[in-house]
Amino acid sequence: MTALATRTTARILDLCALAPGAIVEARRRNEVHYRGCVEDAAPSLGVVWIRDDLAGHRAILHLDEYSIWHVAA
């Protein structure tokens, strides 16, 4: 599912900067594929788990596949 990108504060390049509860978007080619609340992250693996607001399920996002953006509140 694709949604319009919302205002963002910054692109996340280091997953250590994410804390549970942060709202993020996962984009590919500037299209939003996932948007939701961070549940967990494994920076050493380059992955983050979110609860996706668009589809309602848990999603695992890999930095090799998506650009991760912190969404401004």
PDB file of N, CA and C in Angstrom:
ATOM      1  N   MET A   1       0.847  -1.161   0.000  1.00  0.00           N
ATOM      2  CA  MET A   1       0.000   0.000   0.000  1.00  0.00           C
ATOM      3  C   MET A   1       0.901   1.235   0.000  1.00  0.00           C
ATOM      4  N   THR A   2       0.509   2.239  -0.725  1.00  0.00           N
ATOM      5  CA  THR A   2       1.279   3.468  -0.808  1.00  0.00           C
ATOM      6  C   THR A   2       0.443   4.623  -0.283  1.00  0.00           C
ATOM      7  N   ALA A   3       1.077   5.499   0.469  1.00  0.00           N
ATOM      8  CA  ALA A   3       0.422   6.694   0.991  1.00  0.00           C
ATOM      9  C   ALA A   3       1.296   7.889   0.672  1.00  0.00           C
ATOM     10  N   LEU A   4       0.730   9.055   0.777  1.00  0.00           N
ATOM     11  CA  LEU A   4       1.513  10.266   0.576  1.00  0.00           C
ATOM     12  C   LEU A   4       2.468  10.457   1.737  1.00  0.00           C
ATOM     13  N   ALA A   5       3.663  10.910   1.435  1.00  0.00           N
ATOM     14  CA  ALA A   5       4.645  11.166   2.475  1.00  0.00           C
ATOM     15  C   ALA A   5       4.182  12.331   3.345  1.00  0.00           C
ATOM     16  N   THR A   6       4.443  12.217   4.633  1.00  0.00           N
ATOM     17  CA  THR A   6       4.095  13.289   5.552  1.00  0.00           C
ATOM     18  C   THR A   6       5.353  14.093   5.877  1.00  0.00           C
ATOM     19  N   ARG A   7       5.190  15.173   6.643  1.00  0.00           N
ATOM     20  CA  ARG A   7       6.337  15.950   7.080  1.00  0.00           C
ATOM     21  C   ARG A   7       7.254  15.062   7.906  1.00  0.00           C
ATOM     22  N   THR A   8       8.534  15.206   7.712  1.00  0.00           N
ATOM     23  CA  THR A   8       9.487  14.421   8.473  1.00  0.00           C
ATOM     24  C   THR A   8      10.515  15.321   9.115  1.00  0.00           C
ATOM     25  N   THR A   9      11.111  14.811  10.174  1.00  0.00           N
ATOM     26  CA  THR A   9      12.159  15.577  10.830  1.00  0.00           C
ATOM     27  C   THR A   9      13.522  15.186  10.303  1.00  0.00           C
ATOM     28  N   ALA A  10      13.734  13.897  10.053  1.00  0.00           N
ATOM     29  CA  ALA A  10      15.052  13.463   9.606  1.00  0.00           C
ATOM     30  C   ALA A  10      15.013  12.031   9.100  1.00  0.00           C
ATOM     31  N   ARG A  11      15.900  11.756   8.157  1.00  0.00           N
ATOM     32  CA  ARG A  11      16.091  10.384   7.707  1.00  0.00           C
ATOM     33  C   ARG A  11      16.947   9.672   8.746  1.00  0.00           C
ATOM     34  N   ILE A  12      16.570   8.452   9.073  1.00  0.00           N
ATOM     35  CA  ILE A  12      17.296   7.658  10.053  1.00  0.00           C
ATOM     36  C   ILE A  12      18.343   6.821   9.324  1.00  0.00           C
ATOM     37  N   LEU A  13      19.601   7.085   9.605  1.00  0.00           N
ATOM     38  CA  LEU A  13      20.693   6.317   9.010  1.00  0.00           C
ATOM     39  C   LEU A  13      21.294   5.341  10.016  1.00  0.00           C
ATOM     40  N   ASP A  14      21.082   5.600  11.300  1.00  0.00           N
ATOM     41  CA  ASP A  14      21.587   4.745  12.372  1.00  0.00           C
ATOM     42  C   ASP A  14      20.410   4.338  13.248  1.00  0.00           C
ATOM     43  N   LEU A  15      20.096   3.060  13.254  1.00  0.00           N
ATOM     44  CA  LEU A  15      18.937   2.581  14.010  1.00  0.00           C
ATOM     45  C   LEU A  15      19.098   2.740  15.513  1.00  0.00           C
ATOM     46  N   CYS A  16      20.311   2.982  15.987  1.00  0.00           N
ATOM     47  CA  CYS A  16      20.514   3.256  17.421  1.00  0.00           C
ATOM     48  C   CYS A  16      19.796   4.533  17.837  1.00  0.00           C
ATOM     49  N   ALA A  17      19.483   5.389  16.866  1.00  0.00           N
ATOM     50  CA  ALA A  17      18.801   6.655  17.148  1.00  0.00           C
ATOM     51  C   ALA A  17      17.299   6.470  17.366  1.00  0.00           C
ATOM     52  N   LEU A  18      16.770   5.281  17.089  1.00  0.00           N
ATOM     53  CA  LEU A  18      15.334   5.032  17.248  1.00  0.00           C
ATOM     54  C   LEU A  18      15.029   4.420  18.604  1.00  0.00           C
ATOM     55  N   ALA A  19      13.972   4.904  19.215  1.00  0.00           N
ATOM     56  CA  ALA A  19      13.502   4.348  20.478  1.00  0.00           C
ATOM     57  C   ALA A  19      12.097   3.798  20.278  1.00  0.00           C
ATOM     58  N   PRO A  20      11.717   2.776  21.047  1.00  0.00           N
ATOM     59  CA  PRO A  20      10.334   2.294  20.966  1.00  0.00           C
ATOM     60  C   PRO A  20       9.362   3.445  21.175  1.00  0.00           C
ATOM     61  N   GLY A  21       8.329   3.468  20.369  1.00  0.00           N
ATOM     62  CA  GLY A  21       7.330   4.525  20.442  1.00  0.00           C
ATOM     63  C   GLY A  21       7.510   5.601  19.388  1.00  0.00           C
ATOM     64  N   ALA A  22       8.679   5.672  18.765  1.00  0.00           N
ATOM     65  CA  ALA A  22       8.912   6.657  17.702  1.00  0.00           C
ATOM     66  C   ALA A  22       8.033   6.324  16.495  1.00  0.00           C
ATOM     67  N   ILE A  23       7.545   7.350  15.831  1.00  0.00           N
ATOM     68  CA  ILE A  23       6.730   7.166  14.632  1.00  0.00           C
ATOM     69  C   ILE A  23       7.641   7.335  13.418  1.00  0.00           C
ATOM     70  N   VAL A  24       7.620   6.335  12.534  1.00  0.00           N
ATOM     71  CA  VAL A  24       8.488   6.346  11.360  1.00  0.00           C
ATOM     72  C   VAL A  24       7.712   5.983  10.099  1.00  0.00           C
ATOM     73  N   GLU A  25       8.310   6.340   8.971  1.00  0.00           N
ATOM     74  CA  GLU A  25       7.832   5.900   7.664  1.00  0.00           C
ATOM     75  C   GLU A  25       8.954   5.125   6.994  1.00  0.00           C
ATOM     76  N   ALA A  26       8.577   4.103   6.255  1.00  0.00           N
ATOM     77  CA  ALA A  26       9.532   3.354   5.436  1.00  0.00           C
ATOM     78  C   ALA A  26       9.205   3.662   3.984  1.00  0.00           C
ATOM     79  N   ARG A  27      10.202   4.191   3.282  1.00  0.00           N
ATOM     80  CA  ARG A  27       9.985   4.612   1.895  1.00  0.00           C
ATOM     81  C   ARG A  27      10.895   3.869   0.939  1.00  0.00           C
ATOM     82  N   ARG A  28      10.382   3.676  -0.245  1.00  0.00           N
ATOM     83  CA  ARG A  28      11.160   3.152  -1.360  1.00  0.00           C
ATOM     84  C   ARG A  28      10.800   4.014  -2.557  1.00  0.00           C
ATOM     85  N   ARG A  29      11.820   4.604  -3.181  1.00  0.00           N
ATOM     86  CA  ARG A  29      11.617   5.519  -4.314  1.00  0.00           C
ATOM     87  C   ARG A  29      10.636   6.636  -3.956  1.00  0.00           C
ATOM     88  N   ASN A  30      10.786   7.160  -2.754  1.00  0.00           N
ATOM     89  CA  ASN A  30       9.985   8.273  -2.224  1.00  0.00           C
ATOM     90  C   ASN A  30       8.493   7.958  -2.091  1.00  0.00           C
ATOM     91  N   GLU A  31       8.130   6.694  -2.109  1.00  0.00           N
ATOM     92  CA  GLU A  31       6.758   6.280  -1.837  1.00  0.00           C
ATOM     93  C   GLU A  31       6.720   5.609  -0.471  1.00  0.00           C
ATOM     94  N   VAL A  32       5.737   5.963   0.328  1.00  0.00           N
ATOM     95  CA  VAL A  32       5.602   5.371   1.660  1.00  0.00           C
ATOM     96  C   VAL A  32       4.990   3.978   1.518  1.00  0.00           C
ATOM     97  N   HIS A  33       5.707   2.984   2.041  1.00  0.00           N
ATOM     98  CA  HIS A  33       5.199   1.610   2.030  1.00  0.00           C
ATOM     99  C   HIS A  33       4.682   1.203   3.407  1.00  0.00           C
ATOM    100  N   TYR A  34       5.286   1.764   4.462  1.00  0.00           N
ATOM    101  CA  TYR A  34       4.867   1.484   5.833  1.00  0.00           C
ATOM    102  C   TYR A  34       4.952   2.765   6.637  1.00  0.00           C
ATOM    103  N   ARG A  35       4.062   2.898   7.621  1.00  0.00           N
ATOM    104  CA  ARG A  35       4.098   4.018   8.569  1.00  0.00           C
ATOM    105  C   ARG A  35       3.583   3.482   9.897  1.00  0.00           C
ATOM    106  N   GLY A  36       4.317   3.740  10.964  1.00  0.00           N
ATOM    107  CA  GLY A  36       3.839   3.262  12.242  1.00  0.00           C
ATOM    108  C   GLY A  36       4.806   3.500  13.374  1.00  0.00           C
ATOM    109  N   CYS A  37       4.476   2.885  14.496  1.00  0.00           N
ATOM    110  CA  CYS A  37       5.193   3.051  15.752  1.00  0.00           C
ATOM    111  C   CYS A  37       6.267   1.967  15.895  1.00  0.00           C
ATOM    112  N   VAL A  38       7.481   2.381  16.250  1.00  0.00           N
ATOM    113  CA  VAL A  38       8.586   1.441  16.451  1.00  0.00           C
ATOM    114  C   VAL A  38       8.292   0.584  17.678  1.00  0.00           C
ATOM    115  N   GLU A  39       8.408  -0.731  17.506  1.00  0.00           N
ATOM    116  CA  GLU A  39       8.260  -1.654  18.628  1.00  0.00           C
ATOM    117  C   GLU A  39       9.609  -2.154  19.119  1.00  0.00           C
ATOM    118  N   ASP A  40      10.542  -2.389  18.191  1.00  0.00           N
ATOM    119  CA  ASP A  40      11.854  -2.906  18.554  1.00  0.00           C
ATOM    120  C   ASP A  40      12.810  -2.643  17.403  1.00  0.00           C
ATOM    121  N   ALA A  41      14.098  -2.686  17.697  1.00  0.00           N
ATOM    122  CA  ALA A  41      15.110  -2.493  16.654  1.00  0.00           C
ATOM    123  C   ALA A  41      16.311  -3.372  16.953  1.00  0.00           C
ATOM    124  N   ALA A  42      16.977  -3.807  15.908  1.00  0.00           N
ATOM    125  CA  ALA A  42      18.224  -4.563  16.012  1.00  0.00           C
ATOM    126  C   ALA A  42      19.242  -3.856  15.121  1.00  0.00           C
ATOM    127  N   PRO A  43      19.869  -2.806  15.655  1.00  0.00           N
ATOM    128  CA  PRO A  43      20.799  -2.015  14.846  1.00  0.00           C
ATOM    129  C   PRO A  43      21.920  -2.836  14.212  1.00  0.00           C
ATOM    130  N   SER A  44      22.410  -3.848  14.910  1.00  0.00           N
ATOM    131  CA  SER A  44      23.494  -4.667  14.358  1.00  0.00           C
ATOM    132  C   SER A  44      23.051  -5.464  13.132  1.00  0.00           C
ATOM    133  N   LEU A  45      21.753  -5.716  13.026  1.00  0.00           N
ATOM    134  CA  LEU A  45      21.203  -6.425  11.861  1.00  0.00           C
ATOM    135  C   LEU A  45      20.644  -5.474  10.814  1.00  0.00           C
ATOM    136  N   GLY A  46      20.488  -4.205  11.176  1.00  0.00           N
ATOM    137  CA  GLY A  46      19.932  -3.221  10.255  1.00  0.00           C
ATOM    138  C   GLY A  46      18.436  -3.345  10.074  1.00  0.00           C
ATOM    139  N   VAL A  47      17.742  -3.819  11.125  1.00  0.00           N
ATOM    140  CA  VAL A  47      16.289  -3.991  11.026  1.00  0.00           C
ATOM    141  C   VAL A  47      15.567  -3.293  12.167  1.00  0.00           C
ATOM    142  N   VAL A  48      14.326  -2.925  11.889  1.00  0.00           N
ATOM    143  CA  VAL A  48      13.436  -2.331  12.880  1.00  0.00           C
ATOM    144  C   VAL A  48      12.057  -2.957  12.692  1.00  0.00           C
ATOM    145  N   TRP A  49      11.366  -3.191  13.807  1.00  0.00           N
ATOM    146  CA  TRP A  49      10.000  -3.710  13.772  1.00  0.00           C
ATOM    147  C   TRP A  49       9.055  -2.589  14.140  1.00  0.00           C
ATOM    148  N   ILE A  50       8.000  -2.441  13.360  1.00  0.00           N
ATOM    149  CA  ILE A  50       6.997  -1.423  13.649  1.00  0.00           C
ATOM    150  C   ILE A  50       5.610  -2.053  13.637  1.00  0.00           C
ATOM    151  N   ARG A  51       4.664  -1.353  14.252  1.00  0.00           N
ATOM    152  CA  ARG A  51       3.239  -1.693  14.128  1.00  0.00           C
ATOM    153  C   ARG A  51       2.715  -0.775  13.043  1.00  0.00           C
ATOM    154  N   ASP A  52       2.420  -1.339  11.882  1.00  0.00           N
ATOM    155  CA  ASP A  52       2.052  -0.562  10.693  1.00  0.00           C
ATOM    156  C   ASP A  52       0.651   0.009  10.813  1.00  0.00           C
ATOM    157  N   ASP A  53       0.542   1.340  10.710  1.00  0.00           N
ATOM    158  CA  ASP A  53      -0.755   2.017  10.763  1.00  0.00           C
ATOM    159  C   ASP A  53      -1.562   1.807   9.489  1.00  0.00           C
ATOM    160  N   LEU A  54      -0.895   1.620   8.361  1.00  0.00           N
ATOM    161  CA  LEU A  54      -1.588   1.492   7.088  1.00  0.00           C
ATOM    162  C   LEU A  54      -2.289   0.140   6.940  1.00  0.00           C
ATOM    163  N   ALA A  55      -1.630  -0.933   7.380  1.00  0.00           N
ATOM    164  CA  ALA A  55      -2.205  -2.270   7.215  1.00  0.00           C
ATOM    165  C   ALA A  55      -2.645  -2.898   8.539  1.00  0.00           C
ATOM    166  N   GLY A  56      -2.154  -2.359   9.661  1.00  0.00           N
ATOM    167  CA  GLY A  56      -2.570  -2.849  10.960  1.00  0.00           C
ATOM    168  C   GLY A  56      -1.804  -4.051  11.485  1.00  0.00           C
ATOM    169  N   HIS A  57      -0.728  -4.434  10.837  1.00  0.00           N
ATOM    170  CA  HIS A  57       0.042  -5.581  11.309  1.00  0.00           C
ATOM    171  C   HIS A  57       1.472  -5.174  11.647  1.00  0.00           C
ATOM    172  N   ARG A  58       2.216  -6.086  12.234  1.00  0.00           N
ATOM    173  CA  ARG A  58       3.617  -5.846  12.562  1.00  0.00           C
ATOM    174  C   ARG A  58       4.449  -6.052  11.297  1.00  0.00           C
ATOM    175  N   ALA A  59       5.410  -5.166  11.087  1.00  0.00           N
ATOM    176  CA  ALA A  59       6.255  -5.251   9.899  1.00  0.00           C
ATOM    177  C   ALA A  59       7.717  -5.150  10.304  1.00  0.00           C
ATOM    178  N   ILE A  60       8.559  -5.916   9.617  1.00  0.00           N
ATOM    179  CA  ILE A  60       9.996  -5.824   9.817  1.00  0.00           C
ATOM    180  C   ILE A  60      10.570  -5.056   8.628  1.00  0.00           C
ATOM    181  N   LEU A  61      11.366  -4.035   8.933  1.00  0.00           N
ATOM    182  CA  LEU A  61      11.920  -3.169   7.895  1.00  0.00           C
ATOM    183  C   LEU A  61      13.433  -3.264   7.919  1.00  0.00           C
ATOM    184  N   HIS A  62      14.032  -3.459   6.764  1.00  0.00           N
ATOM    185  CA  HIS A  62      15.478  -3.573   6.658  1.00  0.00           C
ATOM    186  C   HIS A  62      16.023  -2.348   5.940  1.00  0.00           C
ATOM    187  N   LEU A  63      17.099  -1.771   6.478  1.00  0.00           N
ATOM    188  CA  LEU A  63      17.687  -0.562   5.887  1.00  0.00           C
ATOM    189  C   LEU A  63      18.185  -0.774   4.463  1.00  0.00           C
ATOM    190  N   ASP A  64      18.459  -2.006   4.069  1.00  0.00           N
ATOM    191  CA  ASP A  64      18.871  -2.282   2.685  1.00  0.00           C
ATOM    192  C   ASP A  64      17.704  -2.156   1.707  1.00  0.00           C
ATOM    193  N   GLU A  65      16.475  -2.261   2.210  1.00  0.00           N
ATOM    194  CA  GLU A  65      15.293  -2.231   1.352  1.00  0.00           C
ATOM    195  C   GLU A  65      14.531  -0.911   1.403  1.00  0.00           C
ATOM    196  N   TYR A  66      14.602  -0.213   2.528  1.00  0.00           N
ATOM    197  CA  TYR A  66      13.811   1.001   2.715  1.00  0.00           C
ATOM    198  C   TYR A  66      14.673   2.116   3.288  1.00  0.00           C
ATOM    199  N   SER A  67      14.274   3.355   2.998  1.00  0.00           N
ATOM    200  CA  SER A  67      14.816   4.487   3.757  1.00  0.00           C
ATOM    201  C   SER A  67      13.814   4.729   4.878  1.00  0.00           C
ATOM    202  N   ILE A  68      14.337   4.920   6.090  1.00  0.00           N
ATOM    203  CA  ILE A  68      13.501   5.087   7.279  1.00  0.00           C
ATOM    204  C   ILE A  68      13.526   6.565   7.671  1.00  0.00           C
ATOM    205  N   TRP A  69      12.351   7.123   7.887  1.00  0.00           N
ATOM    206  CA  TRP A  69      12.203   8.544   8.217  1.00  0.00           C
ATOM    207  C   TRP A  69      11.444   8.713   9.506  1.00  0.00           C
ATOM    208  N   HIS A  70      11.941   9.543  10.408  1.00  0.00           N
ATOM    209  CA  HIS A  70      11.238   9.878  11.650  1.00  0.00           C
ATOM    210  C   HIS A  70      10.162  10.898  11.316  1.00  0.00           C
ATOM    211  N   VAL A  71       8.943  10.627  11.703  1.00  0.00           N
ATOM    212  CA  VAL A  71       7.820  11.512  11.379  1.00  0.00           C
ATOM    213  C   VAL A  71       7.610  12.497  12.523  1.00  0.00           C
ATOM    214  N   ALA A  72       7.514  13.763  12.160  1.00  0.00           N
ATOM    215  CA  ALA A  72       7.275  14.816  13.166  1.00  0.00           C
ATOM    216  C   ALA A  72       5.897  14.642  13.769  1.00  0.00           C
ATOM    217  N   ALA A  73       5.812  14.878  15.060  1.00  0.00           N
ATOM    218  CA  ALA A  73       4.534  14.732  15.761  1.00  0.00           C
ATOM    219  C   ALA A  73       3.635  15.914  15.530  1.00  0.00           C
TER     220      ALA A  73
END
